C-alpha atoms as a PDB file:
ATOM      1  CA  MET A   1      88.245 140.697 144.188  1.00  0.00           C
ATOM      2  CA  GLY A   2      87.475 139.657 140.601  1.00  0.00           C
ATOM      3  CA  LYS A   3      87.953 136.285 138.994  1.00  0.00           C
ATOM      4  CA  TYR A   4      91.148 137.282 137.195  1.00  0.00           C
ATOM      5  CA  THR A   5      94.530 138.571 138.320  1.00  0.00           C
ATOM      6  CA  ASP A   6      96.356 141.442 136.628  1.00  0.00           C
ATOM      7  CA  GLU A   7      98.844 138.975 135.164  1.00  0.00           C
ATOM      8  CA  GLU A   8      96.097 136.763 133.736  1.00  0.00           C
ATOM      9  CA  ILE A   9      94.529 139.825 132.090  1.00  0.00           C
ATOM     10  CA  ARG A  10      97.912 140.842 130.614  1.00  0.00           C
ATOM     11  CA  ASN A  11      98.416 137.384 129.108  1.00  0.00           C
ATOM     12  CA  MET A  12      95.027 137.165 127.383  1.00  0.00           C
ATOM     13  CA  LYS A  13      94.969 137.498 123.598  1.00  0.00           C
ATOM     14  CA  LYS A  14      91.374 138.809 123.590  1.00  0.00           C
ATOM     15  CA  ILE A  15      89.543 140.385 126.507  1.00  0.00           C
ATOM     16  CA  THR A  16      85.779 140.169 126.157  1.00  0.00           C
ATOM     17  CA  CYS A  17      83.208 142.338 127.912  1.00  0.00           C
ATOM     18  CA  LYS A  18      82.398 139.317 130.117  1.00  0.00           C
ATOM     19  CA  ILE A  19      86.036 138.908 131.154  1.00  0.00           C
ATOM     20  CA  ALA A  20      86.401 142.649 131.827  1.00  0.00           C
ATOM     21  CA  ALA A  21      83.174 142.595 133.844  1.00  0.00           C
ATOM     22  CA  ASP A  22      84.352 139.647 135.938  1.00  0.00           C
ATOM     23  CA  TYR A  23      87.693 141.383 136.510  1.00  0.00           C
ATOM     24  CA  LEU A  24      86.033 144.669 137.545  1.00  0.00           C
ATOM     25  CA  GLY A  25      83.242 142.990 139.522  1.00  0.00           C
ATOM     26  CA  ILE A  26      80.421 144.536 137.469  1.00  0.00           C
ATOM     27  CA  ALA A  27      77.830 143.298 134.950  1.00  0.00           C
ATOM     28  CA  PRO A  28      78.912 142.635 131.337  1.00  0.00           C
ATOM     29  CA  MET A  29      76.155 144.980 130.124  1.00  0.00           C
ATOM     30  CA  ALA A  30      77.687 147.766 132.234  1.00  0.00           C
ATOM     31  CA  VAL A  31      80.990 147.251 130.425  1.00  0.00           C
ATOM     32  CA  SER A  32      79.468 147.330 126.945  1.00  0.00           C
ATOM     33  CA  ILE A  33      77.213 150.326 127.616  1.00  0.00           C
ATOM     34  CA  GLY A  34      80.009 152.169 129.426  1.00  0.00           C
ATOM     35  CA  MET A  35      82.295 151.671 126.435  1.00  0.00           C
ATOM     36  CA  GLN A  36      79.595 152.620 123.912  1.00  0.00           C
ATOM     37  CA  GLN A  37      78.946 155.860 125.790  1.00  0.00           C
ATOM     38  CA  GLU A  38      82.687 156.496 126.206  1.00  0.00           C
ATOM     39  CA  LYS A  39      82.378 156.529 129.991  1.00  0.00           C
ATOM     40  CA  LEU A  40      84.529 153.452 130.620  1.00  0.00           C
ATOM     41  CA  PRO A  41      88.054 154.216 129.325  1.00  0.00           C
ATOM     42  CA  ILE A  42      89.335 150.642 129.035  1.00  0.00           C
ATOM     43  CA  GLY A  43      89.396 150.409 125.244  1.00  0.00           C
ATOM     44  CA  PHE A  44      87.039 151.350 122.468  1.00  0.00           C
ATOM     45  CA  ALA A  45      83.674 150.315 121.094  1.00  0.00           C
ATOM     46  CA  VAL A  46      83.065 150.445 117.346  1.00  0.00           C
ATOM     47  CA  HIS A  47      79.552 150.694 115.947  1.00  0.00           C
ATOM     48  CA  HIS A  48      79.143 148.710 112.717  1.00  0.00           C
ATOM     49  CA  GLN A  49      76.092 149.824 110.825  1.00  0.00           C
ATOM     50  CA  ASP A  50      75.170 149.294 107.199  1.00  0.00           C
ATOM     51  CA  HIS A  51      72.256 147.929 105.186  1.00  0.00           C
ATOM     52  CA  TYR A  52      72.546 144.471 106.748  1.00  0.00           C
ATOM     53  CA  THR A  53      74.063 144.884 110.212  1.00  0.00           C
ATOM     54  CA  ASP A  54      73.791 147.038 113.302  1.00  0.00           C
ATOM     55  CA  ARG A  55      76.201 145.785 115.925  1.00  0.00           C
ATOM     56  CA  TRP A  56      79.028 146.805 118.224  1.00  0.00           C
ATOM     57  CA  SER A  57      82.497 145.352 118.578  1.00  0.00           C
ATOM     58  CA  TYR A  58      84.785 145.975 121.528  1.00  0.00           C
ATOM     59  CA  HIS A  59      88.548 146.165 121.825  1.00  0.00           C
ATOM     60  CA  ILE A  60      89.619 146.116 125.459  1.00  0.00           C
ATOM     61  CA  ILE A  61      93.231 147.028 126.156  1.00  0.00           C
ATOM     62  CA  ALA A  62      94.730 145.022 129.007  1.00  0.00           C
ATOM     63  CA  GLU A  63      96.878 147.777 130.505  1.00  0.00           C
ATOM     64  CA  ARG A  64      94.036 150.309 130.405  1.00  0.00           C
ATOM     65  CA  LEU A  65      91.695 147.812 132.069  1.00  0.00           C
ATOM     66  CA  ILE A  66      94.248 147.132 134.807  1.00  0.00           C
ATOM     67  CA  ALA A  67      94.979 150.854 135.288  1.00  0.00           C
ATOM     68  CA  TYR A  68      91.258 151.628 135.497  1.00  0.00           C
ATOM     69  CA  ASN A  69      90.761 148.851 138.036  1.00  0.00           C
ATOM     70  CA  HIS A  70      93.541 150.278 140.205  1.00  0.00           C
ATOM     71  CA  GLY A  71      92.388 153.898 139.741  1.00  0.00           C
ATOM     72  CA  THR A  72      95.602 155.007 138.026  1.00  0.00           C
ATOM     73  CA  ILE A  73      94.402 155.798 134.498  1.00  0.00           C
ATOM     74  CA  SER A  74      95.039 159.375 133.399  1.00  0.00           C
ATOM     75  CA  GLU A  75      92.066 161.034 131.662  1.00  0.00           C
ATOM     76  CA  VAL A  76      94.365 163.231 129.542  1.00  0.00           C
ATOM     77  CA  GLN A  77      96.267 160.164 128.366  1.00  0.00           C
ATOM     78  CA  VAL A  78      92.995 158.381 127.610  1.00  0.00           C
ATOM     79  CA  GLN A  79      91.712 161.329 125.559  1.00  0.00           C
ATOM     80  CA  GLY A  80      94.896 161.344 123.487  1.00  0.00           C
ATOM     81  CA  ILE A  81      94.615 157.635 122.836  1.00  0.00           C
ATOM     82  CA  GLU A  82      90.910 157.934 121.994  1.00  0.00           C
ATOM     83  CA  ASN A  83      91.590 160.739 119.509  1.00  0.00           C
ATOM     84  CA  ASN A  84      94.282 158.700 117.780  1.00  0.00           C
ATOM     85  CA  LEU A  85      92.084 155.607 117.673  1.00  0.00           C
ATOM     86  CA  SER A  86      89.182 157.620 116.249  1.00  0.00           C
ATOM     87  CA  ARG A  87      91.416 158.939 113.491  1.00  0.00           C
ATOM     88  CA  ILE A  88      92.648 155.421 112.668  1.00  0.00           C
ATOM     89  CA  ILE A  89      89.095 154.058 112.618  1.00  0.00           C
ATOM     90  CA  ASP A  90      87.991 156.882 110.299  1.00  0.00           C
ATOM     91  CA  GLU A  91      90.879 156.148 107.944  1.00  0.00           C
ATOM     92  CA  PHE A  92      90.035 152.437 107.862  1.00  0.00           C
ATOM     93  CA  SER A  93      86.383 153.242 107.193  1.00  0.00           C
ATOM     94  CA  GLU A  94      87.394 155.350 104.197  1.00  0.00           C
ATOM     95  CA  MET A  95      89.680 152.584 102.950  1.00  0.00           C
ATOM     96  CA  ARG A  96      86.811 150.096 103.319  1.00  0.00           C
ATOM     97  CA  LYS A  97      84.520 152.335 101.253  1.00  0.00           C
ATOM     98  CA  ASP A  98      87.175 152.629  98.550  1.00  0.00           C
ATOM     99  CA  LEU A  99      87.681 148.867  98.490  1.00  0.00           C
ATOM    100  CA  VAL A 100      83.944 148.189  98.246  1.00  0.00           C
ATOM    101  CA  PHE A 101      83.717 150.691  95.379  1.00  0.00           C
ATOM    102  CA  LEU A 102      86.602 149.039  93.556  1.00  0.00           C
ATOM    103  CA  LEU A 103      85.210 145.537  94.046  1.00  0.00           C
ATOM    104  CA  ARG A 104      81.783 146.570  92.785  1.00  0.00           C
ATOM    105  CA  GLY A 105      83.392 148.034  89.676  1.00  0.00           C
ATOM    106  CA  LYS A 106      85.156 144.742  88.895  1.00  0.00           C
ATOM    107  CA  GLN A 107      81.916 142.770  89.186  1.00  0.00           C
ATOM    108  CA  GLU A 108      80.117 144.940  86.615  1.00  0.00           C
END
């Protein structure tokens, strides 16, 4: 059994890869790589890459983590959620580009 109960996971404001790993009984690196490769359906990993940074951020969803731990997560449901999240991320990326463009214009 992991370090955390289902209820403790539900009450956390932010679930890190370390917390998820402790809960699942696996290594934190396994969580991050599993999420990056879309093989661990407990949330989503976002790759931030530009001229100055190359990093990943992780958003772990409590109920998906708990469902995965208990073997009750539906792959079809996960795919639908992933598709919606991908669309939202793409839209935010476009908005970020527009904002950067506008801010650069004001500085000149």
